[in-house]
Amino acid sequence: MQSNPSKPQARAARPPLILASTSAYRRELLQRLRQPFAVQAPGVDEARRPGEAPRELALRLAREKALAVASAAGPAWVIGSDQVCACDGEILGKPGGFDAALRQLQHLRGREAVFHTAVALVDPQGSVQTREVPTTVRTRVLDDARLRTYLLAEQPYDCAGSAKSEGLGIALLQSVRSEDPTALVGLPLIALCDMLAQAGFDLLADGQA
């Protein structure tokens, strides 16, 4: 039987898009692109390897997170991301509580830190693109009383560097330098949009938004 040339052909379903992260910050950022996606925990060991530079650590973990989820998900587009904060050669992880967060802010006072934010995109065939976007942040010189007030108000204990730039934490910052304003929050959307475009996603196509 011949097909009817006047009948529109059904569009092939695109493999699902998955965010390899349980971070609420990354989920909220990815929602800005108005693409349906699922969320899956990557279950990757985030320990630093001996001698590993902060930038390389961020890139490796972003790649490993995306590949870990892709290996279990079947054909899919998988986004992995990671962020590493470094100040004066020291990596600052998530503080986890008030005391550790206060020590981080005291260490950062008047100093510059670089937040290395990496993103990886795995395609349904298992190929990987990676990008890293650095953000340089200088923190204001503030007394301990003001640092304590901030920490009690926002409790940013799940944030490397102990401040949420998208919230009251902006009051701690003297300057922020980056080519992508979303990188500091945890997912560099400008870089990700470039990667998705190269992969054939048209985020602004009619009917897609």
C-alpha atoms as a PDB file:
ATOM      1  CA  MET A   1       0.000   0.000   0.000  1.00  0.00           C
ATOM      2  CA  GLN A   2       1.338   3.378  -0.963  1.00  0.00           C
ATOM      3  CA  SER A   3       1.441   6.125   1.618  1.00  0.00           C
ATOM      4  CA  ASN A   4      -0.645   9.213   1.072  1.00  0.00           C
ATOM      5  CA  PRO A   5       1.833  11.987   0.202  1.00  0.00           C
ATOM      6  CA  SER A   6      -0.590  14.623   1.462  1.00  0.00           C
ATOM      7  CA  LYS A   7      -0.725  13.099   4.946  1.00  0.00           C
ATOM      8  CA  PRO A   8       1.858  14.640   7.329  1.00  0.00           C
ATOM      9  CA  GLN A   9       4.439  12.201   8.566  1.00  0.00           C
ATOM     10  CA  ALA A  10       4.570  11.578  12.324  1.00  0.00           C
ATOM     11  CA  ARG A  11       7.576  13.194  13.919  1.00  0.00           C
ATOM     12  CA  ALA A  12       9.938  10.674  15.424  1.00  0.00           C
ATOM     13  CA  ALA A  13       9.970  10.856  19.191  1.00  0.00           C
ATOM     14  CA  ARG A  14      13.139  12.376  20.580  1.00  0.00           C
ATOM     15  CA  PRO A  15      14.924  10.300  23.231  1.00  0.00           C
ATOM     16  CA  PRO A  16      14.237  11.673  26.714  1.00  0.00           C
ATOM     17  CA  LEU A  17      16.257  14.452  28.293  1.00  0.00           C
ATOM     18  CA  ILE A  18      17.582  13.616  31.761  1.00  0.00           C
ATOM     19  CA  LEU A  19      19.316  15.815  34.324  1.00  0.00           C
ATOM     20  CA  ALA A  20      21.911  13.735  36.182  1.00  0.00           C
ATOM     21  CA  SER A  21      21.512  15.657  39.412  1.00  0.00           C
ATOM     22  CA  THR A  22      19.166  15.964  42.363  1.00  0.00           C
ATOM     23  CA  SER A  23      20.193  19.592  42.963  1.00  0.00           C
ATOM     24  CA  ALA A  24      17.160  21.842  43.292  1.00  0.00           C
ATOM     25  CA  TYR A  25      19.252  24.739  41.946  1.00  0.00           C
ATOM     26  CA  ARG A  26      20.149  22.918  38.730  1.00  0.00           C
ATOM     27  CA  ARG A  27      16.596  21.668  38.283  1.00  0.00           C
ATOM     28  CA  GLU A  28      15.213  25.199  38.588  1.00  0.00           C
ATOM     29  CA  LEU A  29      17.777  26.505  36.093  1.00  0.00           C
ATOM     30  CA  LEU A  30      17.060  23.800  33.513  1.00  0.00           C
ATOM     31  CA  GLN A  31      13.328  24.508  33.781  1.00  0.00           C
ATOM     32  CA  ARG A  32      14.030  27.931  32.244  1.00  0.00           C
ATOM     33  CA  LEU A  33      14.602  26.219  28.881  1.00  0.00           C
ATOM     34  CA  ARG A  34      11.018  24.843  28.894  1.00  0.00           C
ATOM     35  CA  GLN A  35      12.037  21.385  27.748  1.00  0.00           C
ATOM     36  CA  PRO A  36      10.514  18.309  29.392  1.00  0.00           C
ATOM     37  CA  PHE A  37      13.134  16.427  31.385  1.00  0.00           C
ATOM     38  CA  ALA A  38      13.506  13.798  34.062  1.00  0.00           C
ATOM     39  CA  VAL A  39      15.828  13.881  37.060  1.00  0.00           C
ATOM     40  CA  GLN A  40      18.029  11.020  38.180  1.00  0.00           C
ATOM     41  CA  ALA A  41      20.719  10.812  40.856  1.00  0.00           C
ATOM     42  CA  PRO A  42      24.099   9.887  39.328  1.00  0.00           C
ATOM     43  CA  GLY A  43      25.579   8.156  42.387  1.00  0.00           C
ATOM     44  CA  VAL A  44      29.158   9.183  41.537  1.00  0.00           C
ATOM     45  CA  ASP A  45      32.037   9.357  44.027  1.00  0.00           C
ATOM     46  CA  GLU A  46      33.008  13.043  44.084  1.00  0.00           C
ATOM     47  CA  ALA A  47      36.370  12.602  45.802  1.00  0.00           C
ATOM     48  CA  ARG A  48      39.247  14.575  44.328  1.00  0.00           C
ATOM     49  CA  ARG A  49      42.123  12.625  42.804  1.00  0.00           C
ATOM     50  CA  PRO A  50      45.672  13.389  43.963  1.00  0.00           C
ATOM     51  CA  GLY A  51      46.992  16.468  42.211  1.00  0.00           C
ATOM     52  CA  GLU A  52      43.760  17.084  40.304  1.00  0.00           C
ATOM     53  CA  ALA A  53      43.240  20.762  39.443  1.00  0.00           C
ATOM     54  CA  PRO A  54      39.871  22.329  40.339  1.00  0.00           C
ATOM     55  CA  ARG A  55      38.902  22.832  36.687  1.00  0.00           C
ATOM     56  CA  GLU A  56      39.763  19.260  35.765  1.00  0.00           C
ATOM     57  CA  LEU A  57      37.882  17.948  38.791  1.00  0.00           C
ATOM     58  CA  ALA A  58      34.729  19.794  37.771  1.00  0.00           C
ATOM     59  CA  LEU A  59      34.965  18.580  34.166  1.00  0.00           C
ATOM     60  CA  ARG A  60      35.610  14.973  35.191  1.00  0.00           C
ATOM     61  CA  LEU A  61      32.715  14.862  37.641  1.00  0.00           C
ATOM     62  CA  ALA A  62      30.281  16.451  35.190  1.00  0.00           C
ATOM     63  CA  ARG A  63      31.267  13.854  32.598  1.00  0.00           C
ATOM     64  CA  GLU A  64      31.123  10.925  35.023  1.00  0.00           C
ATOM     65  CA  LYS A  65      27.714  11.958  36.355  1.00  0.00           C
ATOM     66  CA  ALA A  66      26.236  12.190  32.866  1.00  0.00           C
ATOM     67  CA  LEU A  67      27.749   8.878  31.767  1.00  0.00           C
ATOM     68  CA  ALA A  68      26.636   7.087  34.942  1.00  0.00           C
ATOM     69  CA  VAL A  69      23.005   8.008  34.338  1.00  0.00           C
ATOM     70  CA  ALA A  70      23.249   7.399  30.583  1.00  0.00           C
ATOM     71  CA  SER A  71      24.567   3.866  31.104  1.00  0.00           C
ATOM     72  CA  ALA A  72      21.471   2.950  33.109  1.00  0.00           C
ATOM     73  CA  ALA A  73      18.873   4.970  31.211  1.00  0.00           C
ATOM     74  CA  GLY A  74      19.212   3.538  27.712  1.00  0.00           C
ATOM     75  CA  PRO A  75      19.117   5.900  24.705  1.00  0.00           C
ATOM     76  CA  ALA A  76      18.724   9.408  26.122  1.00  0.00           C
ATOM     77  CA  TRP A  77      20.179  12.882  26.234  1.00  0.00           C
ATOM     78  CA  VAL A  78      21.794  13.264  29.647  1.00  0.00           C
ATOM     79  CA  ILE A  79      23.075  16.466  31.256  1.00  0.00           C
ATOM     80  CA  GLY A  80      25.682  16.286  33.998  1.00  0.00           C
ATOM     81  CA  SER A  81      27.142  19.235  35.875  1.00  0.00           C
ATOM     82  CA  ASP A  82      29.544  19.953  38.692  1.00  0.00           C
ATOM     83  CA  GLN A  83      31.005  22.992  40.389  1.00  0.00           C
ATOM     84  CA  VAL A  84      34.297  23.351  42.252  1.00  0.00           C
ATOM     85  CA  CYS A  85      35.158  26.466  44.261  1.00  0.00           C
ATOM     86  CA  ALA A  86      38.833  27.299  44.786  1.00  0.00           C
ATOM     87  CA  CYS A  87      40.442  30.132  46.748  1.00  0.00           C
ATOM     88  CA  ASP A  88      44.209  30.576  47.085  1.00  0.00           C
ATOM     89  CA  GLY A  89      44.706  27.004  45.893  1.00  0.00           C
ATOM     90  CA  GLU A  90      42.279  25.538  48.442  1.00  0.00           C
ATOM     91  CA  ILE A  91      39.092  23.798  47.332  1.00  0.00           C
ATOM     92  CA  LEU A  92      36.034  24.816  49.329  1.00  0.00           C
ATOM     93  CA  GLY A  93      33.303  22.199  49.364  1.00  0.00           C
ATOM     94  CA  LYS A  94      29.760  22.339  50.706  1.00  0.00           C
ATOM     95  CA  PRO A  95      30.031  23.363  54.366  1.00  0.00           C
ATOM     96  CA  GLY A  96      27.151  21.245  55.653  1.00  0.00           C
ATOM     97  CA  GLY A  97      26.568  23.399  58.738  1.00  0.00           C
ATOM     98  CA  PHE A  98      26.904  26.800  60.396  1.00  0.00           C
ATOM     99  CA  ASP A  99      30.401  26.494  61.862  1.00  0.00           C
ATOM    100  CA  ALA A 100      32.018  25.266  58.641  1.00  0.00           C
ATOM    101  CA  ALA A 101      30.142  27.895  56.618  1.00  0.00           C
ATOM    102  CA  LEU A 102      31.375  30.675  58.925  1.00  0.00           C
ATOM    103  CA  ARG A 103      34.960  29.458  58.523  1.00  0.00           C
ATOM    104  CA  GLN A 104      34.538  29.527  54.729  1.00  0.00           C
ATOM    105  CA  LEU A 105      33.210  33.083  54.732  1.00  0.00           C
ATOM    106  CA  GLN A 106      36.010  34.197  57.039  1.00  0.00           C
ATOM    107  CA  HIS A 107      38.538  32.628  54.672  1.00  0.00           C
ATOM    108  CA  LEU A 108      36.917  34.279  51.647  1.00  0.00           C
ATOM    109  CA  ARG A 109      36.660  37.733  53.250  1.00  0.00           C
ATOM    110  CA  GLY A 110      38.272  40.282  50.928  1.00  0.00           C
ATOM    111  CA  ARG A 111      39.592  37.526  48.646  1.00  0.00           C
ATOM    112  CA  GLU A 112      38.832  36.249  45.165  1.00  0.00           C
ATOM    113  CA  ALA A 113      37.554  32.737  44.570  1.00  0.00           C
ATOM    114  CA  VAL A 114      37.044  30.983  41.248  1.00  0.00           C
ATOM    115  CA  PHE A 115      33.986  28.804  40.777  1.00  0.00           C
ATOM    116  CA  HIS A 116      34.669  26.254  38.037  1.00  0.00           C
ATOM    117  CA  THR A 117      31.277  25.133  36.713  1.00  0.00           C
ATOM    118  CA  ALA A 118      31.311  22.285  34.201  1.00  0.00           C
ATOM    119  CA  VAL A 119      28.518  20.810  32.118  1.00  0.00           C
ATOM    120  CA  ALA A 120      28.473  17.599  30.080  1.00  0.00           C
ATOM    121  CA  LEU A 121      25.948  16.395  27.513  1.00  0.00           C
ATOM    122  CA  VAL A 122      25.771  12.726  26.539  1.00  0.00           C
ATOM    123  CA  ASP A 123      23.897  11.881  23.339  1.00  0.00           C
ATOM    124  CA  PRO A 124      21.842   8.703  22.775  1.00  0.00           C
ATOM    125  CA  GLN A 125      24.878   7.031  21.175  1.00  0.00           C
ATOM    126  CA  GLY A 126      27.080   7.715  24.209  1.00  0.00           C
ATOM    127  CA  SER A 127      29.199  10.559  22.804  1.00  0.00           C
ATOM    128  CA  VAL A 128      29.995  13.357  25.254  1.00  0.00           C
ATOM    129  CA  GLN A 129      30.419  17.121  24.948  1.00  0.00           C
ATOM    130  CA  THR A 130      31.891  19.032  27.883  1.00  0.00           C
ATOM    131  CA  ARG A 131      32.326  22.709  28.700  1.00  0.00           C
ATOM    132  CA  GLU A 132      33.670  24.601  31.714  1.00  0.00           C
ATOM    133  CA  VAL A 133      32.726  28.163  32.623  1.00  0.00           C
ATOM    134  CA  PRO A 134      34.801  29.926  35.318  1.00  0.00           C
ATOM    135  CA  THR A 135      33.331  32.646  37.518  1.00  0.00           C
ATOM    136  CA  THR A 136      35.589  34.891  39.583  1.00  0.00           C
ATOM    137  CA  VAL A 137      33.988  36.236  42.750  1.00  0.00           C
ATOM    138  CA  ARG A 138      35.435  38.788  45.181  1.00  0.00           C
ATOM    139  CA  THR A 139      33.865  38.857  48.634  1.00  0.00           C
ATOM    140  CA  ARG A 140      33.391  42.029  50.655  1.00  0.00           C
ATOM    141  CA  VAL A 141      35.269  42.648  53.903  1.00  0.00           C
ATOM    142  CA  LEU A 142      32.510  42.156  56.464  1.00  0.00           C
ATOM    143  CA  ASP A 143      32.733  41.556  60.201  1.00  0.00           C
ATOM    144  CA  ASP A 144      31.820  38.243  61.791  1.00  0.00           C
ATOM    145  CA  ALA A 145      28.526  39.596  63.133  1.00  0.00           C
ATOM    146  CA  ARG A 146      27.295  40.312  59.608  1.00  0.00           C
ATOM    147  CA  LEU A 147      28.520  36.956  58.353  1.00  0.00           C
ATOM    148  CA  ARG A 148      26.602  35.221  61.154  1.00  0.00           C
ATOM    149  CA  THR A 149      23.478  37.256  60.376  1.00  0.00           C
ATOM    150  CA  TYR A 150      23.662  36.156  56.757  1.00  0.00           C
ATOM    151  CA  LEU A 151      24.193  32.495  57.562  1.00  0.00           C
ATOM    152  CA  LEU A 152      21.287  32.375  60.002  1.00  0.00           C
ATOM    153  CA  ALA A 153      19.017  34.148  57.511  1.00  0.00           C
ATOM    154  CA  GLU A 154      19.716  31.993  54.451  1.00  0.00           C
ATOM    155  CA  GLN A 155      21.424  28.842  55.761  1.00  0.00           C
ATOM    156  CA  PRO A 156      23.412  28.181  52.545  1.00  0.00           C
ATOM    157  CA  TYR A 157      24.986  25.037  53.940  1.00  0.00           C
ATOM    158  CA  ASP A 158      24.581  23.087  50.692  1.00  0.00           C
ATOM    159  CA  CYS A 159      26.492  25.687  48.653  1.00  0.00           C
ATOM    160  CA  ALA A 160      30.237  25.676  48.059  1.00  0.00           C
ATOM    161  CA  GLY A 161      31.494  29.059  49.214  1.00  0.00           C
ATOM    162  CA  SER A 162      28.608  29.375  51.710  1.00  0.00           C
ATOM    163  CA  ALA A 163      26.599  32.041  49.861  1.00  0.00           C
ATOM    164  CA  LYS A 164      23.637  32.066  47.488  1.00  0.00           C
ATOM    165  CA  SER A 165      24.279  34.757  44.890  1.00  0.00           C
ATOM    166  CA  GLU A 166      20.649  34.487  43.742  1.00  0.00           C
ATOM    167  CA  GLY A 167      19.481  35.417  47.263  1.00  0.00           C
ATOM    168  CA  LEU A 168      20.694  37.554  50.150  1.00  0.00           C
ATOM    169  CA  GLY A 169      24.206  36.231  49.539  1.00  0.00           C
ATOM    170  CA  ILE A 170      24.607  38.874  46.843  1.00  0.00           C
ATOM    171  CA  ALA A 171      25.149  41.347  49.723  1.00  0.00           C
ATOM    172  CA  LEU A 172      28.391  39.524  50.551  1.00  0.00           C
ATOM    173  CA  LEU A 173      29.850  39.968  47.080  1.00  0.00           C
ATOM    174  CA  GLN A 174      31.937  42.862  45.835  1.00  0.00           C
ATOM    175  CA  SER A 175      32.199  41.680  42.230  1.00  0.00           C
ATOM    176  CA  VAL A 176      31.335  38.763  39.947  1.00  0.00           C
ATOM    177  CA  ARG A 177      33.058  38.174  36.595  1.00  0.00           C
ATOM    178  CA  SER A 178      31.777  35.501  34.224  1.00  0.00           C
ATOM    179  CA  GLU A 179      30.616  35.015  30.637  1.00  0.00           C
ATOM    180  CA  ASP A 180      27.518  33.188  31.911  1.00  0.00           C
ATOM    181  CA  PRO A 181      25.490  34.556  34.863  1.00  0.00           C
ATOM    182  CA  THR A 182      23.880  31.175  35.547  1.00  0.00           C
ATOM    183  CA  ALA A 183      27.213  29.399  35.989  1.00  0.00           C
ATOM    184  CA  LEU A 184      27.635  30.629  39.555  1.00  0.00           C
ATOM    185  CA  VAL A 185      24.267  29.136  40.533  1.00  0.00           C
ATOM    186  CA  GLY A 186      25.384  25.727  39.286  1.00  0.00           C
ATOM    187  CA  LEU A 187      24.446  25.122  35.635  1.00  0.00           C
ATOM    188  CA  PRO A 188      25.882  27.308  32.830  1.00  0.00           C
ATOM    189  CA  LEU A 189      22.814  27.702  30.623  1.00  0.00           C
ATOM    190  CA  ILE A 190      24.491  29.708  27.857  1.00  0.00           C
ATOM    191  CA  ALA A 191      27.053  26.944  27.370  1.00  0.00           C
ATOM    192  CA  LEU A 192      24.338  24.292  27.625  1.00  0.00           C
ATOM    193  CA  CYS A 193      22.193  26.075  25.019  1.00  0.00           C
ATOM    194  CA  ASP A 194      25.169  26.019  22.635  1.00  0.00           C
ATOM    195  CA  MET A 195      25.637  22.300  23.230  1.00  0.00           C
ATOM    196  CA  LEU A 196      21.943  21.535  22.760  1.00  0.00           C
ATOM    197  CA  ALA A 197      21.869  23.584  19.552  1.00  0.00           C
ATOM    198  CA  GLN A 198      24.823  21.603  18.187  1.00  0.00           C
ATOM    199  CA  ALA A 199      22.882  18.451  19.077  1.00  0.00           C
ATOM    200  CA  GLY A 200      19.850  19.559  17.049  1.00  0.00           C
ATOM    201  CA  PHE A 201      17.632  21.040  19.755  1.00  0.00           C
ATOM    202  CA  ASP A 202      15.798  24.169  18.621  1.00  0.00           C
ATOM    203  CA  LEU A 203      14.741  25.744  21.899  1.00  0.00           C
ATOM    204  CA  LEU A 204      12.870  28.589  20.195  1.00  0.00           C
ATOM    205  CA  ALA A 205      11.086  26.620  17.478  1.00  0.00           C
ATOM    206  CA  ASP A 206       7.364  27.301  17.026  1.00  0.00           C
ATOM    207  CA  GLY A 207       5.358  25.226  19.447  1.00  0.00           C
ATOM    208  CA  GLN A 208       8.352  24.238  21.555  1.00  0.00           C
ATOM    209  CA  ALA A 209       8.255  26.959  24.215  1.00  0.00           C
END
